[in-house]
Amino acid sequence: MNQKITEDSIRDALRDCYDPEVPCNIVDLGLVYSVAVAPDPDAPGAGIPGVPPRHKIHISLTLTSKGCPAHTQIIAQIEGRLSAFETVSQTSVDLVWEPAWSPARISPEGRKLLGIEP
């Protein structure tokens, strides 16, 4: 998958990742607080003509509750999904608790998926 890496392309990819306890992806559920994309000048092949630049991805993620047992599974899904990008050299995920997650963070698409709104 050789495409330009942007915050939006990462968020789109993360729509394939789910909290196993909730039938909604982590983006529309409002669990992804931030996505940072930065060049990785130390990646293998960096600076070699014809080798596409590689990027480090940093994600700030929360969970629906601090005691959520699925955090390792969700992080593994994120890392696996982003490994499909040829130009992603590294993915890091930080769990954050502030601001606390609430159902108000669920997107309109997520609300439809969950049957909260028509």
N, C-alpha and C. Protein backbone atom coordinates (compact mmCIF):
# COMPACT_ATOMS: atom_id res chain seq x y z
N MET A 1 0.85 -1.16 0.00
CA MET A 1 0.00 0.00 0.00
C MET A 1 0.90 1.23 0.00
N ASN A 2 1.23 1.73 -1.16
CA ASN A 2 2.11 2.89 -1.28
C ASN A 2 1.24 4.12 -1.55
N GLN A 3 0.96 4.87 -0.52
CA GLN A 3 0.16 6.08 -0.65
C GLN A 3 0.69 7.12 0.31
N LYS A 4 0.26 8.35 0.07
CA LYS A 4 0.70 9.43 0.95
C LYS A 4 0.12 9.22 2.34
N ILE A 5 0.99 9.31 3.33
CA ILE A 5 0.57 9.11 4.71
C ILE A 5 0.15 10.46 5.30
N THR A 6 -1.10 10.54 5.71
CA THR A 6 -1.63 11.74 6.35
C THR A 6 -2.41 11.30 7.59
N GLU A 7 -2.75 12.26 8.43
CA GLU A 7 -3.58 11.93 9.58
C GLU A 7 -4.89 11.30 9.11
N ASP A 8 -5.48 11.85 8.05
CA ASP A 8 -6.75 11.31 7.55
C ASP A 8 -6.61 9.89 7.04
N SER A 9 -5.50 9.58 6.33
CA SER A 9 -5.34 8.22 5.82
C SER A 9 -5.13 7.23 6.96
N ILE A 10 -4.47 7.68 8.02
CA ILE A 10 -4.28 6.82 9.19
C ILE A 10 -5.62 6.59 9.89
N ARG A 11 -6.38 7.66 10.09
CA ARG A 11 -7.70 7.51 10.72
C ARG A 11 -8.60 6.59 9.90
N ASP A 12 -8.56 6.73 8.57
CA ASP A 12 -9.36 5.84 7.71
C ASP A 12 -8.96 4.38 7.91
N ALA A 13 -7.65 4.13 7.98
CA ALA A 13 -7.17 2.76 8.20
C ALA A 13 -7.61 2.23 9.56
N LEU A 14 -7.62 3.10 10.56
CA LEU A 14 -7.99 2.68 11.91
C LEU A 14 -9.47 2.35 12.03
N ARG A 15 -10.25 2.69 11.02
CA ARG A 15 -11.67 2.30 11.04
C ARG A 15 -11.83 0.79 10.88
N ASP A 16 -10.73 0.08 10.59
CA ASP A 16 -10.76 -1.38 10.53
C ASP A 16 -10.48 -2.01 11.90
N CYS A 17 -10.23 -1.19 12.92
CA CYS A 17 -9.89 -1.67 14.27
C CYS A 17 -11.08 -1.46 15.20
N TYR A 18 -11.37 -2.50 15.99
CA TYR A 18 -12.56 -2.47 16.83
C TYR A 18 -12.23 -2.80 18.27
N ASP A 19 -12.97 -2.17 19.18
CA ASP A 19 -13.00 -2.60 20.57
C ASP A 19 -13.81 -3.90 20.52
N PRO A 20 -13.25 -5.03 20.97
CA PRO A 20 -13.96 -6.30 20.84
C PRO A 20 -15.28 -6.36 21.62
N GLU A 21 -15.49 -5.42 22.53
CA GLU A 21 -16.71 -5.42 23.33
C GLU A 21 -17.80 -4.52 22.75
N VAL A 22 -17.45 -3.75 21.70
CA VAL A 22 -18.40 -2.78 21.14
C VAL A 22 -18.39 -2.92 19.62
N PRO A 23 -19.56 -3.06 18.99
CA PRO A 23 -19.60 -3.25 17.54
C PRO A 23 -19.45 -1.94 16.75
N CYS A 24 -18.37 -1.20 17.06
CA CYS A 24 -18.11 0.07 16.38
C CYS A 24 -16.60 0.25 16.34
N ASN A 25 -16.09 0.78 15.23
CA ASN A 25 -14.64 0.96 15.13
C ASN A 25 -14.15 2.04 16.10
N ILE A 26 -12.84 1.98 16.38
CA ILE A 26 -12.27 2.86 17.42
C ILE A 26 -12.29 4.34 17.05
N VAL A 27 -12.30 4.64 15.75
CA VAL A 27 -12.35 6.05 15.33
C VAL A 27 -13.75 6.61 15.57
N ASP A 28 -14.76 5.92 15.06
CA ASP A 28 -16.12 6.42 15.23
C ASP A 28 -16.61 6.30 16.67
N LEU A 29 -15.99 5.43 17.44
CA LEU A 29 -16.32 5.33 18.86
C LEU A 29 -15.72 6.49 19.65
N GLY A 30 -14.77 7.20 19.03
CA GLY A 30 -14.17 8.37 19.68
C GLY A 30 -13.00 8.03 20.58
N LEU A 31 -12.39 6.86 20.37
CA LEU A 31 -11.27 6.45 21.21
C LEU A 31 -9.94 7.02 20.75
N VAL A 32 -9.84 7.41 19.48
CA VAL A 32 -8.58 7.96 18.95
C VAL A 32 -8.59 9.46 19.19
N TYR A 33 -7.76 9.91 20.13
CA TYR A 33 -7.72 11.32 20.46
C TYR A 33 -6.84 12.10 19.49
N SER A 34 -5.70 11.53 19.10
CA SER A 34 -4.85 12.25 18.15
C SER A 34 -4.00 11.27 17.36
N VAL A 35 -3.62 11.73 16.17
CA VAL A 35 -2.73 10.99 15.28
C VAL A 35 -1.66 11.96 14.83
N ALA A 36 -0.40 11.59 15.04
CA ALA A 36 0.72 12.42 14.58
C ALA A 36 1.54 11.62 13.59
N VAL A 37 1.86 12.26 12.47
CA VAL A 37 2.67 11.65 11.42
C VAL A 37 3.94 12.47 11.32
N ALA A 38 5.09 11.81 11.45
CA ALA A 38 6.37 12.51 11.38
C ALA A 38 7.34 11.74 10.49
N PRO A 39 8.18 12.45 9.73
CA PRO A 39 9.18 11.76 8.92
C PRO A 39 10.12 10.96 9.81
N ASP A 40 10.61 9.84 9.29
CA ASP A 40 11.58 9.02 10.02
C ASP A 40 12.90 9.02 9.26
N PRO A 41 13.78 9.98 9.56
CA PRO A 41 15.04 10.06 8.82
C PRO A 41 15.99 8.90 9.13
N ASP A 42 15.69 8.11 10.17
CA ASP A 42 16.54 6.98 10.53
C ASP A 42 16.03 5.65 10.01
N ALA A 43 14.95 5.67 9.26
CA ALA A 43 14.39 4.41 8.73
C ALA A 43 15.35 3.80 7.71
N PRO A 44 15.35 2.48 7.62
CA PRO A 44 16.19 1.82 6.61
C PRO A 44 15.89 2.39 5.22
N GLY A 45 16.92 2.72 4.50
CA GLY A 45 16.77 3.25 3.14
C GLY A 45 16.58 4.74 3.07
N ALA A 46 16.49 5.41 4.20
CA ALA A 46 16.27 6.86 4.20
C ALA A 46 17.40 7.56 3.45
N GLY A 47 17.03 8.48 2.60
CA GLY A 47 18.02 9.25 1.86
C GLY A 47 18.52 8.59 0.59
N ILE A 48 18.09 7.38 0.32
CA ILE A 48 18.50 6.69 -0.89
C ILE A 48 17.51 7.05 -2.01
N PRO A 49 18.03 7.55 -3.13
CA PRO A 49 17.12 7.92 -4.24
C PRO A 49 16.25 6.74 -4.65
N GLY A 50 14.96 7.03 -4.83
CA GLY A 50 14.01 6.00 -5.26
C GLY A 50 13.33 5.28 -4.10
N VAL A 51 13.86 5.42 -2.90
CA VAL A 51 13.23 4.79 -1.74
C VAL A 51 12.26 5.81 -1.14
N PRO A 52 10.98 5.44 -1.06
CA PRO A 52 10.01 6.41 -0.53
C PRO A 52 10.31 6.74 0.92
N PRO A 53 10.07 7.99 1.32
CA PRO A 53 10.29 8.37 2.72
C PRO A 53 9.37 7.56 3.62
N ARG A 54 9.86 7.25 4.80
CA ARG A 54 9.08 6.49 5.77
C ARG A 54 8.70 7.40 6.93
N HIS A 55 7.67 6.99 7.66
CA HIS A 55 7.09 7.84 8.69
C HIS A 55 6.89 7.09 10.00
N LYS A 56 6.99 7.85 11.08
CA LYS A 56 6.64 7.37 12.41
C LYS A 56 5.22 7.85 12.68
N ILE A 57 4.42 6.96 13.23
CA ILE A 57 3.04 7.30 13.56
C ILE A 57 2.90 7.21 15.08
N HIS A 58 2.33 8.26 15.66
CA HIS A 58 2.07 8.26 17.11
C HIS A 58 0.58 8.50 17.31
N ILE A 59 -0.03 7.61 18.07
CA ILE A 59 -1.47 7.68 18.32
C ILE A 59 -1.72 7.82 19.81
N SER A 60 -2.57 8.78 20.15
CA SER A 60 -3.07 8.89 21.52
C SER A 60 -4.45 8.28 21.53
N LEU A 61 -4.62 7.29 22.37
CA LEU A 61 -5.83 6.48 22.39
C LEU A 61 -6.37 6.41 23.81
N THR A 62 -7.67 6.43 23.93
CA THR A 62 -8.28 6.19 25.23
C THR A 62 -9.14 4.95 25.11
N LEU A 63 -9.71 4.53 26.20
CA LEU A 63 -10.63 3.40 26.21
C LEU A 63 -11.92 3.84 26.86
N THR A 64 -12.95 3.04 26.71
CA THR A 64 -14.23 3.42 27.28
C THR A 64 -14.20 3.43 28.80
N SER A 65 -13.26 2.66 29.39
CA SER A 65 -13.07 2.68 30.84
C SER A 65 -11.63 2.29 31.16
N LYS A 66 -11.11 2.76 32.29
CA LYS A 66 -9.73 2.46 32.66
C LYS A 66 -9.49 0.98 32.86
N GLY A 67 -10.51 0.26 33.25
CA GLY A 67 -10.34 -1.17 33.50
C GLY A 67 -10.57 -2.04 32.28
N CYS A 68 -10.69 -1.43 31.11
CA CYS A 68 -10.98 -2.18 29.89
C CYS A 68 -9.88 -3.22 29.64
N PRO A 69 -10.23 -4.50 29.62
CA PRO A 69 -9.23 -5.54 29.45
C PRO A 69 -8.74 -5.70 28.01
N ALA A 70 -9.38 -5.02 27.07
CA ALA A 70 -9.07 -5.22 25.65
C ALA A 70 -7.96 -4.32 25.13
N HIS A 71 -7.30 -3.54 26.00
CA HIS A 71 -6.34 -2.56 25.50
C HIS A 71 -5.21 -3.22 24.70
N THR A 72 -4.69 -4.35 25.14
CA THR A 72 -3.59 -4.98 24.38
C THR A 72 -4.07 -5.46 23.02
N GLN A 73 -5.29 -5.97 22.97
CA GLN A 73 -5.85 -6.43 21.70
C GLN A 73 -6.07 -5.25 20.74
N ILE A 74 -6.57 -4.14 21.25
CA ILE A 74 -6.81 -2.96 20.41
C ILE A 74 -5.48 -2.41 19.89
N ILE A 75 -4.48 -2.31 20.75
CA ILE A 75 -3.17 -1.80 20.32
C ILE A 75 -2.56 -2.73 19.28
N ALA A 76 -2.69 -4.04 19.46
CA ALA A 76 -2.17 -5.00 18.48
C ALA A 76 -2.88 -4.84 17.13
N GLN A 77 -4.19 -4.58 17.16
CA GLN A 77 -4.93 -4.33 15.92
C GLN A 77 -4.39 -3.09 15.21
N ILE A 78 -4.16 -2.03 15.97
CA ILE A 78 -3.65 -0.78 15.40
C ILE A 78 -2.29 -1.03 14.75
N GLU A 79 -1.38 -1.65 15.48
CA GLU A 79 -0.04 -1.91 14.96
C GLU A 79 -0.10 -2.80 13.72
N GLY A 80 -0.93 -3.82 13.75
CA GLY A 80 -1.07 -4.71 12.60
C GLY A 80 -1.65 -3.99 11.39
N ARG A 81 -2.66 -3.18 11.62
CA ARG A 81 -3.31 -2.47 10.51
C ARG A 81 -2.34 -1.49 9.86
N LEU A 82 -1.59 -0.73 10.67
CA LEU A 82 -0.68 0.27 10.10
C LEU A 82 0.56 -0.35 9.49
N SER A 83 0.87 -1.60 9.84
CA SER A 83 2.02 -2.27 9.21
C SER A 83 1.77 -2.54 7.73
N ALA A 84 0.52 -2.42 7.29
CA ALA A 84 0.20 -2.60 5.88
C ALA A 84 0.68 -1.44 5.02
N PHE A 85 1.00 -0.32 5.65
CA PHE A 85 1.50 0.84 4.91
C PHE A 85 3.00 0.68 4.71
N GLU A 86 3.40 0.62 3.48
CA GLU A 86 4.81 0.47 3.14
C GLU A 86 5.67 1.59 3.71
N THR A 87 5.10 2.77 3.83
CA THR A 87 5.90 3.93 4.26
C THR A 87 5.76 4.23 5.75
N VAL A 88 5.16 3.33 6.52
CA VAL A 88 5.13 3.48 7.97
C VAL A 88 6.26 2.63 8.54
N SER A 89 7.20 3.28 9.21
CA SER A 89 8.34 2.56 9.76
C SER A 89 8.13 2.19 11.22
N GLN A 90 7.29 2.95 11.91
CA GLN A 90 7.13 2.74 13.35
C GLN A 90 5.77 3.26 13.78
N THR A 91 5.12 2.51 14.66
CA THR A 91 3.85 2.94 15.24
C THR A 91 3.96 2.88 16.75
N SER A 92 3.58 3.97 17.41
CA SER A 92 3.53 3.96 18.87
C SER A 92 2.15 4.41 19.30
N VAL A 93 1.66 3.80 20.37
CA VAL A 93 0.33 4.10 20.89
C VAL A 93 0.46 4.40 22.37
N ASP A 94 -0.04 5.56 22.77
CA ASP A 94 -0.09 5.93 24.18
C ASP A 94 -1.54 5.90 24.64
N LEU A 95 -1.77 5.24 25.76
CA LEU A 95 -3.09 5.30 26.37
C LEU A 95 -3.18 6.57 27.20
N VAL A 96 -4.24 7.33 26.99
CA VAL A 96 -4.46 8.57 27.73
C VAL A 96 -5.83 8.51 28.39
N TRP A 97 -5.96 9.20 29.51
CA TRP A 97 -7.22 9.15 30.26
C TRP A 97 -7.86 10.52 30.42
N GLU A 98 -7.19 11.56 29.94
CA GLU A 98 -7.74 12.91 30.03
C GLU A 98 -7.80 13.51 28.64
N PRO A 99 -8.90 14.04 28.21
CA PRO A 99 -10.17 14.01 28.92
C PRO A 99 -10.75 12.59 28.91
N ALA A 100 -11.54 12.30 29.90
CA ALA A 100 -12.16 10.98 29.99
C ALA A 100 -13.10 10.77 28.81
N TRP A 101 -13.12 9.54 28.30
CA TRP A 101 -14.04 9.22 27.21
C TRP A 101 -15.47 9.30 27.71
N SER A 102 -16.37 9.74 26.84
CA SER A 102 -17.80 9.70 27.14
C SER A 102 -18.53 9.39 25.84
N PRO A 103 -19.77 8.93 25.92
CA PRO A 103 -20.53 8.64 24.71
C PRO A 103 -20.69 9.85 23.79
N ALA A 104 -20.49 11.04 24.30
CA ALA A 104 -20.59 12.25 23.47
C ALA A 104 -19.52 12.26 22.38
N ARG A 105 -18.43 11.48 22.55
CA ARG A 105 -17.34 11.43 21.57
C ARG A 105 -17.67 10.55 20.37
N ILE A 106 -18.75 9.78 20.43
CA ILE A 106 -19.12 8.89 19.33
C ILE A 106 -19.58 9.73 18.14
N SER A 107 -19.03 9.42 16.96
CA SER A 107 -19.38 10.17 15.75
C SER A 107 -20.82 9.85 15.32
N PRO A 108 -21.39 10.68 14.44
CA PRO A 108 -22.72 10.37 13.92
C PRO A 108 -22.76 9.00 13.24
N GLU A 109 -21.68 8.62 12.52
CA GLU A 109 -21.62 7.31 11.88
C GLU A 109 -21.63 6.20 12.93
N GLY A 110 -20.86 6.42 14.01
CA GLY A 110 -20.82 5.45 15.09
C GLY A 110 -22.17 5.30 15.78
N ARG A 111 -22.86 6.42 15.94
CA ARG A 111 -24.19 6.37 16.58
C ARG A 111 -25.16 5.54 15.75
N LYS A 112 -25.06 5.67 14.42
CA LYS A 112 -25.92 4.86 13.54
C LYS A 112 -25.55 3.38 13.67
N LEU A 113 -24.24 3.08 13.67
CA LEU A 113 -23.81 1.69 13.80
C LEU A 113 -24.30 1.06 15.10
N LEU A 114 -24.31 1.83 16.16
CA LEU A 114 -24.70 1.33 17.47
C LEU A 114 -26.22 1.39 17.70
N GLY A 115 -26.93 1.97 16.74
CA GLY A 115 -28.39 2.06 16.89
C GLY A 115 -28.83 3.13 17.86
N ILE A 116 -27.94 4.10 18.13
CA ILE A 116 -28.28 5.19 19.05
C ILE A 116 -29.10 6.25 18.33
N GLU A 117 -28.80 6.43 17.04
CA GLU A 117 -29.53 7.41 16.22
C GLU A 117 -29.91 6.75 14.91
N PRO A 118 -31.02 7.17 14.34
CA PRO A 118 -31.47 6.59 13.06
C PRO A 118 -30.56 6.98 11.91
